[in-house]
PDB file of all heavy atoms in Angstrom:
ATOM      1  N   VAL A   1     -65.341  80.378  11.353  1.00  0.00           N
ATOM      2  CA  VAL A   1     -66.187  81.214  10.497  1.00  0.00           C
ATOM      3  C   VAL A   1     -65.371  82.402  10.010  1.00  0.00           C
ATOM      4  O   VAL A   1     -64.752  83.119  10.798  1.00  0.00           O
ATOM      5  CB  VAL A   1     -67.437  81.693  11.257  1.00  0.00           C
ATOM      6  CG1 VAL A   1     -68.206  82.724  10.439  1.00  0.00           C
ATOM      7  CG2 VAL A   1     -68.327  80.501  11.594  1.00  0.00           C
ATOM      8  N   ARG A   2     -65.362  82.627   8.700  1.00  0.00           N
ATOM      9  CA  ARG A   2     -64.580  83.697   8.097  1.00  0.00           C
ATOM     10  C   ARG A   2     -65.422  84.889   7.666  1.00  0.00           C
ATOM     11  O   ARG A   2     -64.948  86.022   7.678  1.00  0.00           O
ATOM     12  CB  ARG A   2     -63.810  83.157   6.881  1.00  0.00           C
ATOM     13  CG  ARG A   2     -62.853  82.033   7.195  1.00  0.00           C
ATOM     14  CD  ARG A   2     -61.835  82.469   8.236  1.00  0.00           C
ATOM     15  NE  ARG A   2     -60.897  81.382   8.576  1.00  0.00           N
ATOM     16  CZ  ARG A   2     -60.002  81.459   9.536  1.00  0.00           C
ATOM     17  NH1 ARG A   2     -59.915  82.557  10.272  1.00  0.00           N
ATOM     18  NH2 ARG A   2     -59.209  80.437   9.805  1.00  0.00           N
ATOM     19  N   GLU A   3     -66.667  84.640   7.285  1.00  0.00           N
ATOM     20  CA  GLU A   3     -67.465  85.742   6.744  1.00  0.00           C
ATOM     21  C   GLU A   3     -68.942  85.405   6.826  1.00  0.00           C
ATOM     22  O   GLU A   3     -69.343  84.252   6.670  1.00  0.00           O
ATOM     23  CB  GLU A   3     -67.062  85.980   5.279  1.00  0.00           C
ATOM     24  CG  GLU A   3     -67.768  87.134   4.602  1.00  0.00           C
ATOM     25  CD  GLU A   3     -67.354  87.246   3.137  1.00  0.00           C
ATOM     26  OE1 GLU A   3     -67.797  86.407   2.320  1.00  0.00           O
ATOM     27  OE2 GLU A   3     -66.582  88.175   2.829  1.00  0.00           O
ATOM     28  N   ILE A   4     -69.747  86.433   7.109  1.00  0.00           N
ATOM     29  CA  ILE A   4     -71.203  86.279   7.109  1.00  0.00           C
ATOM     30  C   ILE A   4     -71.808  87.345   6.205  1.00  0.00           C
ATOM     31  O   ILE A   4     -71.531  88.541   6.351  1.00  0.00           O
ATOM     32  CB  ILE A   4     -71.779  86.402   8.535  1.00  0.00           C
ATOM     33  CG1 ILE A   4     -71.322  85.222   9.397  1.00  0.00           C
ATOM     34  CG2 ILE A   4     -73.304  86.468   8.495  1.00  0.00           C
ATOM     35  CD1 ILE A   4     -71.751  85.315  10.848  1.00  0.00           C
ATOM     36  N   ARG A   5     -72.611  86.906   5.261  1.00  0.00           N
ATOM     37  CA  ARG A   5     -73.342  87.812   4.375  1.00  0.00           C
ATOM     38  C   ARG A   5     -74.830  87.498   4.468  1.00  0.00           C
ATOM     39  O   ARG A   5     -75.237  86.501   5.083  1.00  0.00           O
ATOM     40  CB  ARG A   5     -72.853  87.687   2.934  1.00  0.00           C
ATOM     41  CG  ARG A   5     -71.402  88.132   2.746  1.00  0.00           C
ATOM     42  CD  ARG A   5     -70.969  88.128   1.290  1.00  0.00           C
ATOM     43  NE  ARG A   5     -69.612  88.609   1.130  1.00  0.00           N
ATOM     44  CZ  ARG A   5     -69.283  89.890   1.009  1.00  0.00           C
ATOM     45  NH1 ARG A   5     -70.254  90.813   1.000  1.00  0.00           N
ATOM     46  NH2 ARG A   5     -68.029  90.263   0.869  1.00  0.00           N
ATOM     47  N   PHE A   6     -75.640  88.352   3.844  1.00  0.00           N
ATOM     48  CA  PHE A   6     -77.083  88.099   3.841  1.00  0.00           C
ATOM     49  C   PHE A   6     -77.615  88.246   2.433  1.00  0.00           C
ATOM     50  O   PHE A   6     -77.403  89.261   1.764  1.00  0.00           O
ATOM     51  CB  PHE A   6     -77.825  89.059   4.775  1.00  0.00           C
ATOM     52  CG  PHE A   6     -79.294  88.760   4.861  1.00  0.00           C
ATOM     53  CD1 PHE A   6     -79.747  87.730   5.670  1.00  0.00           C
ATOM     54  CD2 PHE A   6     -80.220  89.472   4.106  1.00  0.00           C
ATOM     55  CE1 PHE A   6     -81.102  87.426   5.741  1.00  0.00           C
ATOM     56  CE2 PHE A   6     -81.569  89.180   4.162  1.00  0.00           C
ATOM     57  CZ  PHE A   6     -82.014  88.149   4.985  1.00  0.00           C
ATOM     58  N   ASP A   7     -78.317  87.206   1.973  1.00  0.00           N
ATOM     59  CA  ASP A   7     -78.950  87.222   0.656  1.00  0.00           C
ATOM     60  C   ASP A   7     -80.246  86.435   0.749  1.00  0.00           C
ATOM     61  O   ASP A   7     -80.370  85.321   0.229  1.00  0.00           O
ATOM     62  CB  ASP A   7     -78.006  86.616  -0.385  1.00  0.00           C
ATOM     63  CG  ASP A   7     -78.580  86.688  -1.799  1.00  0.00           C
ATOM     64  OD1 ASP A   7     -79.523  87.474  -2.008  1.00  0.00           O
ATOM     65  OD2 ASP A   7     -78.090  85.944  -2.670  1.00  0.00           O
ATOM     66  N   GLY A   8     -81.206  86.997   1.471  1.00  0.00           N
ATOM     67  CA  GLY A   8     -82.448  86.285   1.725  1.00  0.00           C
ATOM     68  C   GLY A   8     -82.332  85.369   2.927  1.00  0.00           C
ATOM     69  O   GLY A   8     -83.265  85.208   3.708  1.00  0.00           O
ATOM     70  N   GLU A   9     -81.182  84.744   3.086  1.00  0.00           N
ATOM     71  CA  GLU A   9     -80.824  83.994   4.279  1.00  0.00           C
ATOM     72  C   GLU A   9     -79.399  84.372   4.649  1.00  0.00           C
ATOM     73  O   GLU A   9     -78.652  84.938   3.853  1.00  0.00           O
ATOM     74  CB  GLU A   9     -80.930  82.480   4.032  1.00  0.00           C
ATOM     75  CG  GLU A   9     -82.361  81.996   3.841  1.00  0.00           C
ATOM     76  CD  GLU A   9     -82.475  80.488   3.944  1.00  0.00           C
ATOM     77  OE1 GLU A   9     -81.444  79.802   3.816  1.00  0.00           O
ATOM     78  OE2 GLU A   9     -83.599  79.998   4.163  1.00  0.00           O
ATOM     79  N   PHE A  10     -79.031  84.073   5.879  1.00  0.00           N
ATOM     80  CA  PHE A  10     -77.655  84.325   6.306  1.00  0.00           C
ATOM     81  C   PHE A  10     -76.741  83.271   5.686  1.00  0.00           C
ATOM     82  O   PHE A  10     -77.021  82.074   5.749  1.00  0.00           O
ATOM     83  CB  PHE A  10     -77.549  84.291   7.830  1.00  0.00           C
ATOM     84  CG  PHE A  10     -78.238  85.437   8.500  1.00  0.00           C
ATOM     85  CD1 PHE A  10     -79.480  85.252   9.095  1.00  0.00           C
ATOM     86  CD2 PHE A  10     -77.668  86.705   8.515  1.00  0.00           C
ATOM     87  CE1 PHE A  10     -80.133  86.307   9.714  1.00  0.00           C
ATOM     88  CE2 PHE A  10     -78.318  87.767   9.124  1.00  0.00           C
ATOM     89  CZ  PHE A  10     -79.556  87.574   9.731  1.00  0.00           C
ATOM     90  N   ARG A  11     -75.687  83.750   5.058  1.00  0.00           N
ATOM     91  CA  ARG A  11     -74.725  82.863   4.406  1.00  0.00           C
ATOM     92  C   ARG A  11     -73.420  82.888   5.201  1.00  0.00           C
ATOM     93  O   ARG A  11     -72.763  83.927   5.320  1.00  0.00           O
ATOM     94  CB  ARG A  11     -74.500  83.295   2.966  1.00  0.00           C
ATOM     95  CG  ARG A  11     -73.560  82.420   2.176  1.00  0.00           C
ATOM     96  CD  ARG A  11     -73.888  82.477   0.704  1.00  0.00           C
ATOM     97  NE  ARG A  11     -75.206  81.891   0.438  1.00  0.00           N
ATOM     98  CZ  ARG A  11     -75.865  82.047  -0.713  1.00  0.00           C
ATOM     99  NH1 ARG A  11     -75.347  82.781  -1.684  1.00  0.00           N
ATOM    100  NH2 ARG A  11     -77.040  81.487  -0.887  1.00  0.00           N
ATOM    101  N   VAL A  12     -73.059  81.750   5.751  1.00  0.00           N
ATOM    102  CA  VAL A  12     -71.898  81.642   6.632  1.00  0.00           C
ATOM    103  C   VAL A  12     -70.796  80.887   5.903  1.00  0.00           C
ATOM    104  O   VAL A  12     -70.962  79.720   5.538  1.00  0.00           O
ATOM    105  CB  VAL A  12     -72.278  80.906   7.935  1.00  0.00           C
ATOM    106  CG1 VAL A  12     -71.052  80.774   8.834  1.00  0.00           C
ATOM    107  CG2 VAL A  12     -73.404  81.634   8.664  1.00  0.00           C
ATOM    108  N   ARG A  13     -69.674  81.582   5.690  1.00  0.00           N
ATOM    109  CA  ARG A  13     -68.542  80.947   5.014  1.00  0.00           C
ATOM    110  C   ARG A  13     -67.493  80.566   6.038  1.00  0.00           C
ATOM    111  O   ARG A  13     -67.028  81.386   6.822  1.00  0.00           O
ATOM    112  CB  ARG A  13     -67.932  81.892   3.971  1.00  0.00           C
ATOM    113  CG  ARG A  13     -66.766  81.259   3.192  1.00  0.00           C
ATOM    114  CD  ARG A  13     -66.247  82.186   2.112  1.00  0.00           C
ATOM    115  NE  ARG A  13     -65.648  83.382   2.660  1.00  0.00           N
ATOM    116  CZ  ARG A  13     -64.405  83.463   3.133  1.00  0.00           C
ATOM    117  NH1 ARG A  13     -63.615  82.387   3.116  1.00  0.00           N
ATOM    118  NH2 ARG A  13     -63.947  84.594   3.591  1.00  0.00           N
ATOM    119  N   THR A  14     -67.117  79.294   6.036  1.00  0.00           N
ATOM    120  CA  THR A  14     -66.046  78.798   6.904  1.00  0.00           C
ATOM    121  C   THR A  14     -64.867  78.382   6.028  1.00  0.00           C
ATOM    122  O   THR A  14     -64.888  78.545   4.803  1.00  0.00           O
ATOM    123  CB  THR A  14     -66.533  77.593   7.731  1.00  0.00           C
ATOM    124  OG1 THR A  14     -66.607  76.435   6.887  1.00  0.00           O
ATOM    125  CG2 THR A  14     -67.894  77.862   8.365  1.00  0.00           C
ATOM    126  N   ASP A  15     -63.859  77.835   6.655  1.00  0.00           N
ATOM    127  CA  ASP A  15     -62.716  77.341   5.885  1.00  0.00           C
ATOM    128  C   ASP A  15     -63.092  76.158   5.005  1.00  0.00           C
ATOM    129  O   ASP A  15     -62.412  75.864   4.013  1.00  0.00           O
ATOM    130  CB  ASP A  15     -61.586  76.908   6.829  1.00  0.00           C
ATOM    131  CG  ASP A  15     -60.916  78.085   7.520  1.00  0.00           C
ATOM    132  OD1 ASP A  15     -60.932  79.192   6.946  1.00  0.00           O
ATOM    133  OD2 ASP A  15     -60.391  77.894   8.637  1.00  0.00           O
ATOM    134  N   ASN A  16     -64.185  75.472   5.374  1.00  0.00           N
ATOM    135  CA  ASN A  16     -64.510  74.217   4.701  1.00  0.00           C
ATOM    136  C   ASN A  16     -65.835  74.213   3.951  1.00  0.00           C
ATOM    137  O   ASN A  16     -66.093  73.291   3.183  1.00  0.00           O
ATOM    138  CB  ASN A  16     -64.550  73.082   5.748  1.00  0.00           C
ATOM    139  CG  ASN A  16     -63.268  72.987   6.548  1.00  0.00           C
ATOM    140  OD1 ASN A  16     -62.180  72.988   5.984  1.00  0.00           O
ATOM    141  ND2 ASN A  16     -63.388  72.935   7.875  1.00  0.00           N
ATOM    142  N   ALA A  17     -66.695  75.202   4.174  1.00  0.00           N
ATOM    143  CA  ALA A  17     -68.033  75.115   3.597  1.00  0.00           C
ATOM    144  C   ALA A  17     -68.694  76.493   3.573  1.00  0.00           C
ATOM    145  O   ALA A  17     -68.213  77.454   4.188  1.00  0.00           O
ATOM    146  CB  ALA A  17     -68.893  74.150   4.425  1.00  0.00           C
ATOM    147  N   VAL A  18     -69.808  76.559   2.840  1.00  0.00           N
ATOM    148  CA  VAL A  18     -70.705  77.718   2.865  1.00  0.00           C
ATOM    149  C   VAL A  18     -72.073  77.205   3.285  1.00  0.00           C
ATOM    150  O   VAL A  18     -72.641  76.321   2.617  1.00  0.00           O
ATOM    151  CB  VAL A  18     -70.778  78.421   1.495  1.00  0.00           C
ATOM    152  CG1 VAL A  18     -71.791  79.576   1.553  1.00  0.00           C
ATOM    153  CG2 VAL A  18     -69.405  78.943   1.078  1.00  0.00           C
ATOM    154  N   LEU A  19     -72.594  77.722   4.385  1.00  0.00           N
ATOM    155  CA  LEU A  19     -73.848  77.248   4.959  1.00  0.00           C
ATOM    156  C   LEU A  19     -74.867  78.373   5.026  1.00  0.00           C
ATOM    157  O   LEU A  19     -74.515  79.523   5.305  1.00  0.00           O
ATOM    158  CB  LEU A  19     -73.606  76.693   6.371  1.00  0.00           C
ATOM    159  CG  LEU A  19     -72.575  75.565   6.493  1.00  0.00           C
ATOM    160  CD1 LEU A  19     -72.196  75.348   7.944  1.00  0.00           C
ATOM    161  CD2 LEU A  19     -73.124  74.279   5.885  1.00  0.00           C
ATOM    162  N   ASP A  20     -76.124  78.042   4.776  1.00  0.00           N
ATOM    163  CA  ASP A  20     -77.209  79.019   4.851  1.00  0.00           C
ATOM    164  C   ASP A  20     -78.130  78.683   6.012  1.00  0.00           C
ATOM    165  O   ASP A  20     -78.378  77.510   6.316  1.00  0.00           O
ATOM    166  CB  ASP A  20     -78.027  79.029   3.550  1.00  0.00           C
ATOM    167  CG  ASP A  20     -77.240  79.590   2.374  1.00  0.00           C
ATOM    168  OD1 ASP A  20     -76.249  80.312   2.628  1.00  0.00           O
ATOM    169  OD2 ASP A  20     -77.591  79.308   1.216  1.00  0.00           O
ATOM    170  N   ALA A  21     -78.663  79.728   6.638  1.00  0.00           N
ATOM    171  CA  ALA A  21     -79.618  79.534   7.732  1.00  0.00           C
ATOM    172  C   ALA A  21     -80.529  80.742   7.834  1.00  0.00           C
ATOM    173  O   ALA A  21     -80.156  81.856   7.451  1.00  0.00           O
ATOM    174  CB  ALA A  21     -78.899  79.312   9.060  1.00  0.00           C
ATOM    175  N   ARG A  22     -81.731  80.514   8.370  1.00  0.00           N
ATOM    176  CA  ARG A  22     -82.697  81.610   8.525  1.00  0.00           C
ATOM    177  C   ARG A  22     -82.325  82.517   9.691  1.00  0.00           C
ATOM    178  O   ARG A  22     -82.668  83.693   9.696  1.00  0.00           O
ATOM    179  CB  ARG A  22     -84.099  81.037   8.721  1.00  0.00           C
ATOM    180  CG  ARG A  22     -84.584  80.218   7.535  1.00  0.00           C
ATOM    181  CD  ARG A  22     -86.041  79.823   7.658  1.00  0.00           C
ATOM    182  NE  ARG A  22     -86.290  78.873   8.736  1.00  0.00           N
ATOM    183  CZ  ARG A  22     -86.081  77.567   8.655  1.00  0.00           C
ATOM    184  NH1 ARG A  22     -85.569  77.046   7.533  1.00  0.00           N
ATOM    185  NH2 ARG A  22     -86.359  76.747   9.656  1.00  0.00           N
ATOM    186  N   ASN A  23     -81.629  81.983  10.682  1.00  0.00           N
ATOM    187  CA  ASN A  23     -81.269  82.762  11.870  1.00  0.00           C
ATOM    188  C   ASN A  23     -79.827  82.462  12.280  1.00  0.00           C
ATOM    189  O   ASN A  23     -79.316  81.372  12.020  1.00  0.00           O
ATOM    190  CB  ASN A  23     -82.200  82.415  13.041  1.00  0.00           C
ATOM    191  CG  ASN A  23     -83.665  82.629  12.715  1.00  0.00           C
ATOM    192  OD1 ASN A  23     -84.157  83.743  12.684  1.00  0.00           O
ATOM    193  ND2 ASN A  23     -84.374  81.521  12.453  1.00  0.00           N
ATOM    194  N   LEU A  24     -79.231  83.444  12.929  1.00  0.00           N
ATOM    195  CA  LEU A  24     -77.886  83.284  13.475  1.00  0.00           C
ATOM    196  C   LEU A  24     -77.906  83.584  14.963  1.00  0.00           C
ATOM    197  O   LEU A  24     -78.648  84.464  15.412  1.00  0.00           O
ATOM    198  CB  LEU A  24     -76.899  84.256  12.823  1.00  0.00           C
ATOM    199  CG  LEU A  24     -76.486  84.064  11.377  1.00  0.00           C
ATOM    200  CD1 LEU A  24     -75.467  85.136  11.009  1.00  0.00           C
ATOM    201  CD2 LEU A  24     -75.898  82.680  11.162  1.00  0.00           C
ATOM    202  N   VAL A  25     -77.087  82.864  15.712  1.00  0.00           N
ATOM    203  CA  VAL A  25     -76.850  83.192  17.121  1.00  0.00           C
ATOM    204  C   VAL A  25     -75.344  83.267  17.309  1.00  0.00           C
ATOM    205  O   VAL A  25     -74.643  82.267  17.130  1.00  0.00           O
ATOM    206  CB  VAL A  25     -77.456  82.156  18.083  1.00  0.00           C
ATOM    207  CG1 VAL A  25     -77.282  82.638  19.520  1.00  0.00           C
ATOM    208  CG2 VAL A  25     -78.925  81.915  17.779  1.00  0.00           C
ATOM    209  N   ILE A  26     -74.857  84.445  17.673  1.00  0.00           N
ATOM    210  CA  ILE A  26     -73.424  84.661  17.772  1.00  0.00           C
ATOM    211  C   ILE A  26     -73.018  84.761  19.238  1.00  0.00           C
ATOM    212  O   ILE A  26     -73.563  85.570  19.990  1.00  0.00           O
ATOM    213  CB  ILE A  26     -73.002  85.935  17.015  1.00  0.00           C
ATOM    214  CG1 ILE A  26     -73.321  85.761  15.527  1.00  0.00           C
ATOM    215  CG2 ILE A  26     -71.525  86.230  17.215  1.00  0.00           C
ATOM    216  CD1 ILE A  26     -73.054  86.989  14.700  1.00  0.00           C
ATOM    217  N   ASP A  27     -72.102  83.909  19.631  1.00  0.00           N
ATOM    218  CA  ASP A  27     -71.526  83.929  20.971  1.00  0.00           C
ATOM    219  C   ASP A  27     -70.241  84.752  20.868  1.00  0.00           C
ATOM    220  O   ASP A  27     -69.213  84.257  20.410  1.00  0.00           O
ATOM    221  CB  ASP A  27     -71.232  82.497  21.432  1.00  0.00           C
ATOM    222  CG  ASP A  27     -70.737  82.425  22.869  1.00  0.00           C
ATOM    223  OD1 ASP A  27     -70.458  83.490  23.461  1.00  0.00           O
ATOM    224  OD2 ASP A  27     -70.620  81.308  23.395  1.00  0.00           O
ATOM    225  N   ILE A  28     -70.320  86.014  21.256  1.00  0.00           N
ATOM    226  CA  ILE A  28     -69.178  86.905  21.088  1.00  0.00           C
ATOM    227  C   ILE A  28     -68.154  86.623  22.173  1.00  0.00           C
ATOM    228  O   ILE A  28     -68.404  86.827  23.359  1.00  0.00           O
ATOM    229  CB  ILE A  28     -69.616  88.381  21.101  1.00  0.00           C
ATOM    230  CG1 ILE A  28     -70.503  88.653  19.877  1.00  0.00           C
ATOM    231  CG2 ILE A  28     -68.398  89.311  21.093  1.00  0.00           C
ATOM    232  CD1 ILE A  28     -70.932  90.079  19.704  1.00  0.00           C
ATOM    233  N   GLY A  29     -67.011  86.148  21.753  1.00  0.00           N
ATOM    234  CA  GLY A  29     -65.981  85.767  22.702  1.00  0.00           C
ATOM    235  C   GLY A  29     -65.181  86.955  23.219  1.00  0.00           C
ATOM    236  O   GLY A  29     -65.294  88.082  22.732  1.00  0.00           O
ATOM    237  N   LYS A  30     -64.366  86.665  24.227  1.00  0.00           N
ATOM    238  CA  LYS A  30     -63.559  87.709  24.851  1.00  0.00           C
ATOM    239  C   LYS A  30     -62.194  87.811  24.171  1.00  0.00           C
ATOM    240  O   LYS A  30     -61.669  86.836  23.660  1.00  0.00           O
ATOM    241  CB  LYS A  30     -63.341  87.385  26.333  1.00  0.00           C
ATOM    242  CG  LYS A  30     -64.607  87.273  27.161  1.00  0.00           C
ATOM    243  CD  LYS A  30     -64.248  86.848  28.583  1.00  0.00           C
ATOM    244  CE  LYS A  30     -65.482  86.691  29.448  1.00  0.00           C
ATOM    245  NZ  LYS A  30     -65.125  86.249  30.826  1.00  0.00           N
ATOM    246  N   GLN A  31     -61.667  89.016  24.226  1.00  0.00           N
ATOM    247  CA  GLN A  31     -60.291  89.210  23.795  1.00  0.00           C
ATOM    248  C   GLN A  31     -59.589  90.060  24.852  1.00  0.00           C
ATOM    249  O   GLN A  31     -60.192  90.918  25.484  1.00  0.00           O
ATOM    250  CB  GLN A  31     -60.276  89.830  22.399  1.00  0.00           C
ATOM    251  CG  GLN A  31     -59.604  91.080  22.206  1.00  0.00           C
ATOM    252  CD  GLN A  31     -59.641  91.581  20.760  1.00  0.00           C
ATOM    253  OE1 GLN A  31     -60.018  90.899  19.817  1.00  0.00           O
ATOM    254  NE2 GLN A  31     -59.254  92.816  20.596  1.00  0.00           N
ATOM    255  N   ALA A  32     -58.328  89.760  25.082  1.00  0.00           N
ATOM    256  CA  ALA A  32     -57.581  90.450  26.127  1.00  0.00           C
ATOM    257  C   ALA A  32     -57.631  91.958  25.936  1.00  0.00           C
ATOM    258  O   ALA A  32     -57.457  92.466  24.829  1.00  0.00           O
ATOM    259  CB  ALA A  32     -56.133  89.969  26.129  1.00  0.00           C
TER     260      ALA A  32
END
């Protein structure tokens, strides 16, 4: 996932696609 915007629905841009959804659940990973 490269970018998340909101325009009535959440718009998720990946390297391969742009997907829309009513809700997002983010699993925030760890960094050293």
